[in-house]
Amino acid sequence: MEKNDIIYMDYEVWIKDDDRLYETTKEELAKEHDIYDASFSYAPRAIILGKGQTFPSLEDSLTKAEIDKEYEVEIPPEEAFGKRDAELVRLLPISRIIRLGITPDVGKEVEIEGKKGTITFVTASRVRIDFNHPLAGKTLLYRYKVVKKAEKPEEKIAGIIDAYYGKGEDFDIKIGEGIELTLPDICKYDHRWHEMKYLVISDLREIMEPEKIVFVEEYRGKKKEEKEDREPEEKRPKKGGKRGSKKAKEKKKSEKDGDSEK
């Protein structure tokens, strides 16, 4: 493996100190350890080597890895999420927390003044919030396996999209004088795509070296459809049908009553 290679890997992230699973790409394993998150995409993760998309020790291991072989890498706190900082643990008045619309429950993740933290202790008047990263001071253990390396041009383009945004398989990719990408509908309204698009463009230029890159958004007109409340042709009354017969009977009855009066 070398710089700009695009690989897909399955992984497990364990907290070494208490042998606890923190994150994984394997859905069944996540359910087994009660960390399943319905919003998380359980599939091999795409990484572009040499782009700093993961920890240095892990990337160094990935450059030497073979496909379908399992590896284990230890990541110290200094390289992962840093050591714990006592100054990032704060005591705040419970009245302030309530004014912010936050229910002060232990273990609840909150965001205050743009900083994310976790409530660790609650008294009648104060709330203790730890603004350290949940993994600060923790040694991580990565167990991973490279399951695929992008080889074909279309695979590399989809891999670049996957590395930054995901959903690479949903893009229609055409390669000619340049690269033409027809966006899936979700990209038209997803602010994440607008944030990640320029990173995708940068790596497409560097890795694929196209003459041009074209993004296509399709907006199709509505087809003319028959009104839903319109009766099928066969259900419409035919001229001279049952309704006509009813009128004829009424006329015949009227004439008969007139003859009786005479």
Foldseek 3Di string as FASTA:
>chain_A
DDAQWKFWKWKWKAFVVVRATDDTLAQVVCVVRVNHDPVDHNDTAIDGQPPPLDFPQVSVVVVVADAPDKDKDKAFLVRPQEAFDPVQKDKDWVVVCVVVVHDQDAQDWDADPNAIWGFHDDDPTITITHRRDPCHRTMMMMMMGTHDIQDDPLSSLLSLCRNQPRPSVVWDWDDDQFIETEDDPVCVPDVSCVVRVVVSVVSCCVNVVHPDYHYHYDDDDDDDDDDPPDDDPVPDADVVHPVVVVVVVVVVVVVVVVVVVD
